[in-house]
Amino acid sequence: MIHTTTLPVAASAPLPRSLWALMAGNFVIGTGVMVVPGTLNDISVSLGISIPQAGQLITAAAILMGLGAPVFASVVAGWDRRRLLTLALIWYAVLTAICALAPSYTALLPLRVLAVISPAIFTPQAAASVGLLVPPAQRGRAVTFVFLGWSVASVMGMPLSAWIGNDLGWRWAFALVALMALVSAAWVWREMPNSIRPAALSRKAWGKTLGSSALMFTVGVTLLMSFAQFTLFSYFAPYFVQTLGMGGGALSLMFLWFGAFGFLGNVGLSRWIDQIGAPRAALLMMGAMALSLLLWPLGRLGFWQQALVLVPWAIGCFAANSAQQARLVSLSPELASATIALNTSAMYGGQGLGAALGGVLIAQGQMLRLHEVGLVVMGLAMALSVWAARRTMRD
């Protein structure tokens, strides 16, 4: 096992090159996760299924990722992270390529579930490795930097998927993700040092994690926050088509706009999180998303009105989860493998719940009320976040 140095290192010191490879891996993982929401309209038309049925691809994948993250964290506890993360990306490439060839929805659904084993492994294990790659003074910045890949995916990956899906079809968007996963696997293999092995997740470690009210309340915040977002986020593409009549170009531009502000939000957070503290940063980002949900009906007035309403949500979307990751690592660095796995599980579990509930509401003709549900759940997430922070101070 590699141990971090005991010499003092400034928080502003350059980050190791291996973190760039992990950030790129998260970019590919994020693009692959968001390729379905970005191409949902074309998947629906191409396979002859309804929008709610196509949305079940998101739900099923999220359930696997949510349940799988803590299970896989235990299974791969002793693996060298260079090999583990490289293999996860290769698996992603192969299964996503096979998904692109799926002849029907019934074939695509199980293949998609198998493909997302990789996100259930890569994102939490990349974050858990950070503590062994940088000193404590850089930990918050390093975790948010690695998670920056998801923000970059929203800037480039999701708009590109939407554009390719509209012009060439969803299969080509999946094929692009497969190619990027292969390239990213080679990068991770080249840059990650050998013998990076976070502490094994013993039964005692899991007991300490699950028995900590501060940790579990914080994980609960991620579950509710993700639930709130994906009730509507999963159906951005059909929503914008229905309310504003957007074509493929306009839809890609809207996703690009959203992603650009998401990227800026995460970059800004990575620079300030160690100064303002992860709990306060998470609350601020959730407040920004709640503001967008509150103002959401104003977006129906036109393209640019919708774009402006999206800005606070975009700023908070990925930054909030970065803050949650850093919050958990700071609370208990020695339990990071377990807590990050649970946090990832909560994030994907929230996605599944949100996509499922959103699909039910759309099937009942309630697409225009998705934001109301999201706002209520986001309020609960913020309240729980405040409670978790106070509980942590008392403990």
Protein backbone atom coordinates (compact mmCIF):
# COMPACT_ATOMS: atom_id res chain seq x y z
CA MET A 1 0.00 0.00 0.00
CA ILE A 2 1.23 3.51 -0.80
CA HIS A 3 1.12 6.00 2.03
CA THR A 4 0.95 9.75 1.64
CA THR A 5 3.92 11.81 2.72
CA THR A 6 4.00 13.37 6.15
CA LEU A 7 5.72 16.52 4.90
CA PRO A 8 3.46 19.57 4.75
CA VAL A 9 2.19 20.29 1.24
CA ALA A 10 0.35 23.46 0.24
CA ALA A 11 -3.24 23.00 -0.85
CA SER A 12 -2.41 24.98 -4.02
CA ALA A 13 0.47 22.69 -5.06
CA PRO A 14 0.10 20.96 -8.45
CA LEU A 15 -1.97 17.79 -8.43
CA PRO A 16 -0.37 14.54 -9.64
CA ARG A 17 -0.81 13.58 -13.29
CA SER A 18 -2.67 10.41 -12.32
CA LEU A 19 -5.64 12.54 -11.24
CA TRP A 20 -5.98 13.83 -14.80
CA ALA A 21 -6.41 10.25 -15.99
CA LEU A 22 -9.02 9.58 -13.31
CA MET A 23 -10.82 12.79 -14.23
CA ALA A 24 -10.86 11.71 -17.88
CA GLY A 25 -12.20 8.31 -16.83
CA ASN A 26 -15.06 10.01 -15.01
CA PHE A 27 -15.72 12.05 -18.14
CA VAL A 28 -16.20 8.85 -20.13
CA ILE A 29 -18.25 7.26 -17.35
CA GLY A 30 -20.45 10.36 -17.10
CA THR A 31 -20.92 10.59 -20.86
CA GLY A 32 -21.94 6.95 -20.97
CA VAL A 33 -24.44 7.37 -18.13
CA MET A 34 -25.97 10.46 -19.75
CA VAL A 35 -26.04 9.07 -23.29
CA VAL A 36 -29.52 7.62 -22.66
CA PRO A 37 -31.16 10.89 -21.47
CA GLY A 38 -29.45 12.67 -24.37
CA THR A 39 -30.79 10.24 -27.00
CA LEU A 40 -34.07 9.30 -25.34
CA ASN A 41 -36.23 10.63 -28.18
CA ASP A 42 -34.36 8.67 -30.86
CA ILE A 43 -34.30 5.47 -28.77
CA SER A 44 -38.07 5.76 -28.38
CA VAL A 45 -38.69 6.22 -32.10
CA SER A 46 -36.05 3.74 -33.30
CA LEU A 47 -37.19 0.88 -31.08
CA GLY A 48 -40.91 1.68 -31.25
CA ILE A 49 -41.42 2.23 -27.52
CA SER A 50 -42.95 5.00 -25.42
CA ILE A 51 -40.93 7.72 -23.67
CA PRO A 52 -41.71 6.28 -20.17
CA GLN A 53 -40.62 2.83 -21.39
CA ALA A 54 -37.40 4.25 -22.80
CA GLY A 55 -36.90 6.00 -19.46
CA GLN A 56 -36.79 2.59 -17.79
CA LEU A 57 -33.33 2.18 -19.32
CA ILE A 58 -32.27 4.92 -16.90
CA THR A 59 -34.12 3.37 -13.98
CA ALA A 60 -32.82 -0.17 -14.51
CA ALA A 61 -29.24 1.02 -14.93
CA ALA A 62 -29.49 3.24 -11.87
CA ILE A 63 -30.79 0.36 -9.74
CA LEU A 64 -27.81 -1.80 -10.73
CA MET A 65 -25.36 1.04 -10.09
CA GLY A 66 -27.01 1.91 -6.82
CA LEU A 67 -27.08 -1.62 -5.44
CA GLY A 68 -23.80 -2.61 -7.02
CA ALA A 69 -21.50 0.18 -5.78
CA PRO A 70 -21.22 -1.01 -2.13
CA VAL A 71 -21.22 -4.69 -3.13
CA PHE A 72 -18.45 -4.22 -5.66
CA ALA A 73 -16.53 -2.08 -3.17
CA SER A 74 -16.25 -5.14 -0.93
CA VAL A 75 -15.52 -7.59 -3.74
CA VAL A 76 -12.67 -5.54 -5.25
CA ALA A 77 -11.27 -4.25 -1.95
CA GLY A 78 -7.89 -5.95 -2.37
CA TRP A 79 -7.42 -5.22 -6.06
CA ASP A 80 -4.67 -2.99 -7.36
CA ARG A 81 -6.49 0.15 -8.48
CA ARG A 82 -4.48 0.57 -11.67
CA ARG A 83 -5.71 -2.79 -12.93
CA LEU A 84 -9.20 -2.46 -11.51
CA LEU A 85 -9.94 0.96 -13.03
CA THR A 86 -8.44 -0.03 -16.39
CA LEU A 87 -10.52 -3.21 -16.56
CA ALA A 88 -13.66 -1.29 -15.59
CA LEU A 89 -13.20 1.03 -18.57
CA ILE A 90 -12.49 -1.87 -20.94
CA TRP A 91 -15.69 -3.59 -19.75
CA TYR A 92 -17.55 -0.32 -20.38
CA ALA A 93 -16.17 -0.14 -23.92
CA VAL A 94 -17.07 -3.71 -24.84
CA LEU A 95 -20.58 -3.74 -23.36
CA THR A 96 -21.50 -0.29 -24.67
CA ALA A 97 -20.39 -1.35 -28.15
CA ILE A 98 -22.62 -4.43 -27.90
CA CYS A 99 -25.50 -2.18 -26.75
CA ALA A 100 -25.08 -0.19 -29.96
CA LEU A 101 -25.83 -3.38 -31.90
CA ALA A 102 -28.88 -4.41 -29.87
CA PRO A 103 -31.75 -5.30 -32.26
CA SER A 104 -34.59 -4.52 -29.85
CA TYR A 105 -35.54 -2.98 -26.53
CA THR A 106 -35.74 -6.37 -24.84
CA ALA A 107 -32.13 -7.02 -25.89
CA LEU A 108 -30.90 -3.53 -25.05
CA LEU A 109 -32.24 -3.41 -21.49
CA PRO A 110 -30.18 -6.27 -19.98
CA LEU A 111 -27.10 -5.26 -21.99
CA ARG A 112 -27.35 -1.73 -20.64
CA VAL A 113 -27.63 -3.07 -17.09
CA LEU A 114 -24.47 -5.14 -17.58
CA ALA A 115 -22.61 -2.16 -19.08
CA VAL A 116 -23.19 0.05 -16.06
CA ILE A 117 -21.33 -2.29 -13.76
CA SER A 118 -18.39 -0.08 -14.73
CA PRO A 119 -19.78 3.20 -13.31
CA ALA A 120 -20.66 1.33 -10.11
CA ILE A 121 -16.96 0.48 -9.77
CA PHE A 122 -15.00 3.29 -11.41
CA THR A 123 -16.40 6.47 -9.83
CA PRO A 124 -16.30 5.37 -6.16
CA GLN A 125 -12.99 3.56 -6.47
CA ALA A 126 -11.35 6.47 -8.29
CA ALA A 127 -12.50 8.81 -5.51
CA ALA A 128 -11.37 6.41 -2.78
CA SER A 129 -7.91 6.23 -4.36
CA VAL A 130 -7.41 9.99 -4.07
CA GLY A 131 -6.48 9.76 -0.38
CA LEU A 132 -3.49 7.62 -1.34
CA LEU A 133 -2.38 9.90 -4.17
CA VAL A 134 -2.39 13.31 -2.46
CA PRO A 135 -1.68 14.66 1.06
CA PRO A 136 -4.56 15.69 3.37
CA ALA A 137 -4.17 19.40 2.54
CA GLN A 138 -5.14 18.69 -1.08
CA ARG A 139 -7.82 16.09 -0.45
CA GLY A 140 -10.94 18.24 -0.93
CA ARG A 141 -9.53 19.88 -4.06
CA ALA A 142 -8.39 16.53 -5.47
CA VAL A 143 -11.75 14.81 -4.96
CA THR A 144 -13.63 17.67 -6.64
CA PHE A 145 -11.07 17.69 -9.46
CA VAL A 146 -11.51 13.99 -10.18
CA PHE A 147 -15.29 14.43 -10.18
CA LEU A 148 -14.85 17.35 -12.61
CA GLY A 149 -14.97 14.72 -15.34
CA TRP A 150 -18.72 14.46 -14.84
CA SER A 151 -19.05 18.20 -15.42
CA VAL A 152 -16.96 17.98 -18.58
CA ALA A 153 -19.25 15.15 -19.68
CA SER A 154 -22.23 17.46 -19.31
CA VAL A 155 -20.45 20.16 -21.34
CA MET A 156 -19.31 17.91 -24.18
CA GLY A 157 -20.65 14.39 -23.76
CA MET A 158 -24.37 14.93 -23.34
CA PRO A 159 -24.74 17.64 -26.05
CA LEU A 160 -22.63 15.56 -28.44
CA SER A 161 -24.76 12.49 -27.71
CA ALA A 162 -27.94 14.47 -28.34
CA TRP A 163 -26.56 15.84 -31.62
CA ILE A 164 -25.31 12.47 -32.85
CA GLY A 165 -28.53 10.78 -31.73
CA ASN A 166 -30.61 13.28 -33.70
CA ASP A 167 -28.49 13.25 -36.88
CA LEU A 168 -27.06 9.73 -37.02
CA GLY A 169 -29.03 7.76 -34.44
CA TRP A 170 -28.51 6.65 -30.85
CA ARG A 171 -26.38 3.66 -31.89
CA TRP A 172 -23.59 5.94 -33.11
CA ALA A 173 -23.67 7.86 -29.83
CA PHE A 174 -23.19 4.58 -27.95
CA ALA A 175 -20.35 3.64 -30.30
CA LEU A 176 -18.58 6.93 -29.55
CA VAL A 177 -18.76 6.21 -25.80
CA ALA A 178 -17.24 2.76 -26.41
CA LEU A 179 -14.32 4.27 -28.34
CA MET A 180 -13.66 6.90 -25.67
CA ALA A 181 -13.70 4.22 -22.98
CA LEU A 182 -10.89 2.33 -24.73
CA VAL A 183 -8.77 5.47 -25.01
CA SER A 184 -9.40 6.32 -21.37
CA ALA A 185 -8.46 2.81 -20.26
CA ALA A 186 -5.07 3.20 -21.93
CA TRP A 187 -4.56 6.57 -20.20
CA VAL A 188 -5.40 5.23 -16.75
CA TRP A 189 -3.06 2.27 -17.28
CA ARG A 190 -0.24 4.61 -18.26
CA GLU A 191 -0.61 7.18 -15.46
CA MET A 192 -1.78 5.29 -12.38
CA PRO A 193 1.01 3.97 -10.15
CA ASN A 194 1.11 0.34 -9.11
CA SER A 195 0.16 -0.92 -5.65
CA ILE A 196 -2.57 1.63 -4.91
CA ARG A 197 -4.77 -0.40 -2.59
CA PRO A 198 -7.12 1.44 -0.19
CA ALA A 199 -7.73 -0.37 3.08
CA ALA A 200 -9.86 -3.49 2.71
CA LEU A 201 -13.49 -3.06 3.69
CA SER A 202 -13.78 -5.37 6.67
CA ARG A 203 -17.00 -6.14 8.47
CA LYS A 204 -15.84 -3.79 11.20
CA ALA A 205 -15.33 -0.97 8.69
CA TRP A 206 -18.82 -1.46 7.28
CA GLY A 207 -20.18 -1.57 10.82
CA LYS A 208 -18.50 1.73 11.68
CA THR A 209 -19.81 3.28 8.47
CA LEU A 210 -23.40 2.11 8.80
CA GLY A 211 -23.39 2.89 12.52
CA SER A 212 -22.33 6.51 12.06
CA SER A 213 -25.37 8.77 12.00
CA ALA A 214 -23.30 11.65 10.59
CA LEU A 215 -22.11 9.56 7.65
CA MET A 216 -25.47 7.97 6.91
CA PHE A 217 -27.38 11.27 7.10
CA THR A 218 -24.87 12.73 4.65
CA VAL A 219 -25.39 9.81 2.27
CA GLY A 220 -29.13 10.36 2.64
CA VAL A 221 -28.66 13.93 1.43
CA THR A 222 -27.16 12.61 -1.82
CA LEU A 223 -30.08 10.19 -2.29
CA LEU A 224 -32.70 12.93 -1.94
CA MET A 225 -30.71 15.45 -3.98
CA SER A 226 -30.33 13.02 -6.88
CA PHE A 227 -33.98 11.94 -6.60
CA ALA A 228 -35.06 15.59 -6.85
CA GLN A 229 -33.01 16.26 -9.96
CA PHE A 230 -33.69 13.15 -12.01
CA THR A 231 -37.46 13.35 -11.71
CA LEU A 232 -37.14 16.04 -14.38
CA PHE A 233 -33.54 15.76 -15.64
CA SER A 234 -34.14 12.27 -17.05
CA TYR A 235 -36.78 13.71 -19.37
CA PHE A 236 -35.17 16.99 -20.42
CA ALA A 237 -35.15 15.95 -24.09
CA PRO A 238 -38.87 15.07 -24.45
CA TYR A 239 -39.82 17.95 -22.12
CA PHE A 240 -38.05 20.55 -24.25
CA VAL A 241 -39.52 19.06 -27.42
CA GLN A 242 -43.05 19.16 -25.97
CA THR A 243 -42.92 22.62 -24.40
CA LEU A 244 -40.68 24.53 -26.82
CA GLY A 245 -40.72 22.37 -29.95
CA MET A 246 -36.92 22.10 -30.00
CA GLY A 247 -35.20 20.34 -32.86
CA GLY A 248 -31.95 18.42 -32.61
CA GLY A 249 -29.72 21.49 -32.95
CA ALA A 250 -31.57 23.51 -30.33
CA LEU A 251 -31.63 20.54 -27.96
CA SER A 252 -27.87 20.06 -28.29
CA LEU A 253 -27.32 23.77 -27.69
CA MET A 254 -29.44 23.65 -24.54
CA PHE A 255 -27.48 20.68 -23.19
CA LEU A 256 -24.22 22.45 -24.08
CA TRP A 257 -25.39 25.56 -22.21
CA PHE A 258 -26.32 23.46 -19.18
CA GLY A 259 -23.04 21.62 -19.26
CA ALA A 260 -20.94 24.77 -19.59
CA PHE A 261 -22.38 26.26 -16.41
CA GLY A 262 -22.11 22.87 -14.70
CA PHE A 263 -18.42 22.85 -15.54
CA LEU A 264 -17.96 26.39 -14.23
CA GLY A 265 -19.79 25.50 -11.02
CA ASN A 266 -17.54 22.54 -10.34
CA VAL A 267 -14.35 24.46 -11.20
CA GLY A 268 -15.36 27.27 -8.86
CA LEU A 269 -16.20 24.82 -6.11
CA SER A 270 -12.86 23.03 -6.44
CA ARG A 271 -11.09 26.32 -5.71
CA TRP A 272 -13.19 27.38 -2.73
CA ILE A 273 -14.41 24.21 -1.05
CA ASP A 274 -11.46 23.92 1.35
CA GLN A 275 -12.07 27.52 2.46
CA ILE A 276 -15.86 27.48 2.95
CA GLY A 277 -16.19 23.83 3.99
CA ALA A 278 -17.90 20.95 2.19
CA PRO A 279 -21.22 21.04 4.15
CA ARG A 280 -21.78 24.74 3.41
CA ALA A 281 -20.75 24.25 -0.22
CA ALA A 282 -23.24 21.39 -0.65
CA LEU A 283 -26.06 23.44 0.85
CA LEU A 284 -25.32 26.42 -1.41
CA MET A 285 -25.32 24.23 -4.52
CA MET A 286 -28.61 22.57 -3.56
CA GLY A 287 -30.09 26.01 -2.97
CA ALA A 288 -29.10 27.00 -6.50
CA MET A 289 -30.87 23.95 -7.94
CA ALA A 290 -33.96 24.64 -5.85
CA LEU A 291 -34.08 28.16 -7.30
CA SER A 292 -34.23 26.77 -10.84
CA LEU A 293 -37.00 24.36 -9.91
CA LEU A 294 -38.94 27.20 -8.31
CA LEU A 295 -38.64 29.37 -11.43
CA TRP A 296 -39.09 26.46 -13.85
CA PRO A 297 -42.49 27.48 -15.37
CA LEU A 298 -40.91 30.70 -16.65
CA GLY A 299 -38.86 28.60 -19.05
CA ARG A 300 -41.93 27.85 -21.15
CA LEU A 301 -41.90 31.43 -22.43
CA GLY A 302 -39.08 30.72 -24.88
CA PHE A 303 -35.68 29.20 -25.57
CA TRP A 304 -33.58 31.85 -23.82
CA GLN A 305 -35.94 32.12 -20.88
CA GLN A 306 -35.52 28.37 -20.39
CA ALA A 307 -31.76 28.70 -20.76
CA LEU A 308 -31.60 31.37 -18.05
CA VAL A 309 -33.76 29.33 -15.68
CA LEU A 310 -31.36 26.41 -16.14
CA VAL A 311 -28.26 28.37 -15.04
CA PRO A 312 -28.56 27.95 -11.23
CA TRP A 313 -29.40 24.26 -11.62
CA ALA A 314 -26.40 23.73 -13.88
CA ILE A 315 -24.05 25.51 -11.49
CA GLY A 316 -25.18 23.35 -8.59
CA CYS A 317 -25.77 20.02 -10.34
CA PHE A 318 -22.33 18.42 -10.39
CA ALA A 319 -20.73 20.71 -7.83
CA ALA A 320 -23.18 19.54 -5.17
CA ASN A 321 -22.18 15.92 -5.52
CA SER A 322 -18.50 16.86 -5.59
CA ALA A 323 -19.08 18.63 -2.28
CA GLN A 324 -20.81 15.55 -0.91
CA GLN A 325 -17.87 13.34 -1.95
CA ALA A 326 -15.39 15.68 -0.27
CA ARG A 327 -17.66 15.93 2.78
CA LEU A 328 -17.63 12.18 3.31
CA VAL A 329 -13.89 11.83 2.76
CA SER A 330 -13.24 14.62 5.28
CA LEU A 331 -15.56 13.11 7.86
CA SER A 332 -13.72 9.79 7.85
CA PRO A 333 -10.75 9.35 5.47
CA GLU A 334 -10.12 5.79 6.66
CA LEU A 335 -13.67 4.78 5.67
CA ALA A 336 -13.58 6.55 2.30
CA SER A 337 -13.90 3.36 0.24
CA ALA A 338 -17.14 2.49 2.04
CA THR A 339 -18.63 5.98 2.25
CA ILE A 340 -17.85 6.91 -1.36
CA ALA A 341 -19.36 3.60 -2.50
CA LEU A 342 -22.50 4.30 -0.48
CA ASN A 343 -22.61 7.87 -1.77
CA THR A 344 -22.36 6.61 -5.33
CA SER A 345 -25.07 4.09 -4.54
CA ALA A 346 -27.25 6.89 -3.21
CA MET A 347 -26.59 9.03 -6.28
CA TYR A 348 -27.57 6.29 -8.69
CA GLY A 349 -30.43 5.14 -6.46
CA GLY A 350 -31.83 8.66 -6.53
CA GLN A 351 -31.51 8.67 -10.31
CA GLY A 352 -33.50 5.46 -10.51
CA LEU A 353 -36.22 6.71 -8.18
CA GLY A 354 -36.47 10.03 -9.98
CA ALA A 355 -36.60 8.48 -13.46
CA ALA A 356 -39.22 5.95 -12.32
CA LEU A 357 -41.45 8.55 -10.68
CA GLY A 358 -41.02 10.91 -13.62
CA GLY A 359 -42.06 8.15 -16.01
CA VAL A 360 -45.17 7.42 -13.96
CA LEU A 361 -46.15 11.09 -13.96
CA ILE A 362 -45.57 11.42 -17.71
CA ALA A 363 -47.72 8.34 -18.34
CA GLN A 364 -50.48 10.15 -16.41
CA GLY A 365 -50.08 13.29 -18.50
CA GLN A 366 -48.29 15.25 -15.76
CA MET A 367 -45.03 16.15 -17.51
CA LEU A 368 -45.52 19.86 -16.74
CA ARG A 369 -45.57 19.13 -12.99
CA LEU A 370 -42.29 17.23 -12.73
CA HIS A 371 -40.52 20.31 -11.37
CA GLU A 372 -42.97 20.57 -8.45
CA VAL A 373 -42.05 17.11 -7.21
CA GLY A 374 -38.37 17.89 -7.68
CA LEU A 375 -38.65 21.11 -5.66
CA VAL A 376 -40.30 19.39 -2.70
CA VAL A 377 -37.68 16.61 -2.61
CA MET A 378 -34.84 19.12 -2.98
CA GLY A 379 -36.20 21.01 0.02
CA LEU A 380 -36.09 17.79 2.03
CA ALA A 381 -32.49 17.22 0.91
CA MET A 382 -31.47 20.69 2.10
CA ALA A 383 -33.18 20.21 5.46
CA LEU A 384 -31.44 16.87 5.95
CA SER A 385 -28.11 18.43 4.99
CA VAL A 386 -28.45 21.06 7.72
CA TRP A 387 -29.42 18.37 10.23
CA ALA A 388 -26.46 16.19 9.22
CA ALA A 389 -24.03 19.11 9.65
CA ARG A 390 -25.38 19.87 13.12
CA ARG A 391 -25.26 16.21 14.08
CA THR A 392 -21.62 16.06 12.95
CA MET A 393 -20.73 19.06 15.11
CA ARG A 394 -22.41 17.49 18.14
CA ASP A 395 -20.61 14.18 17.56
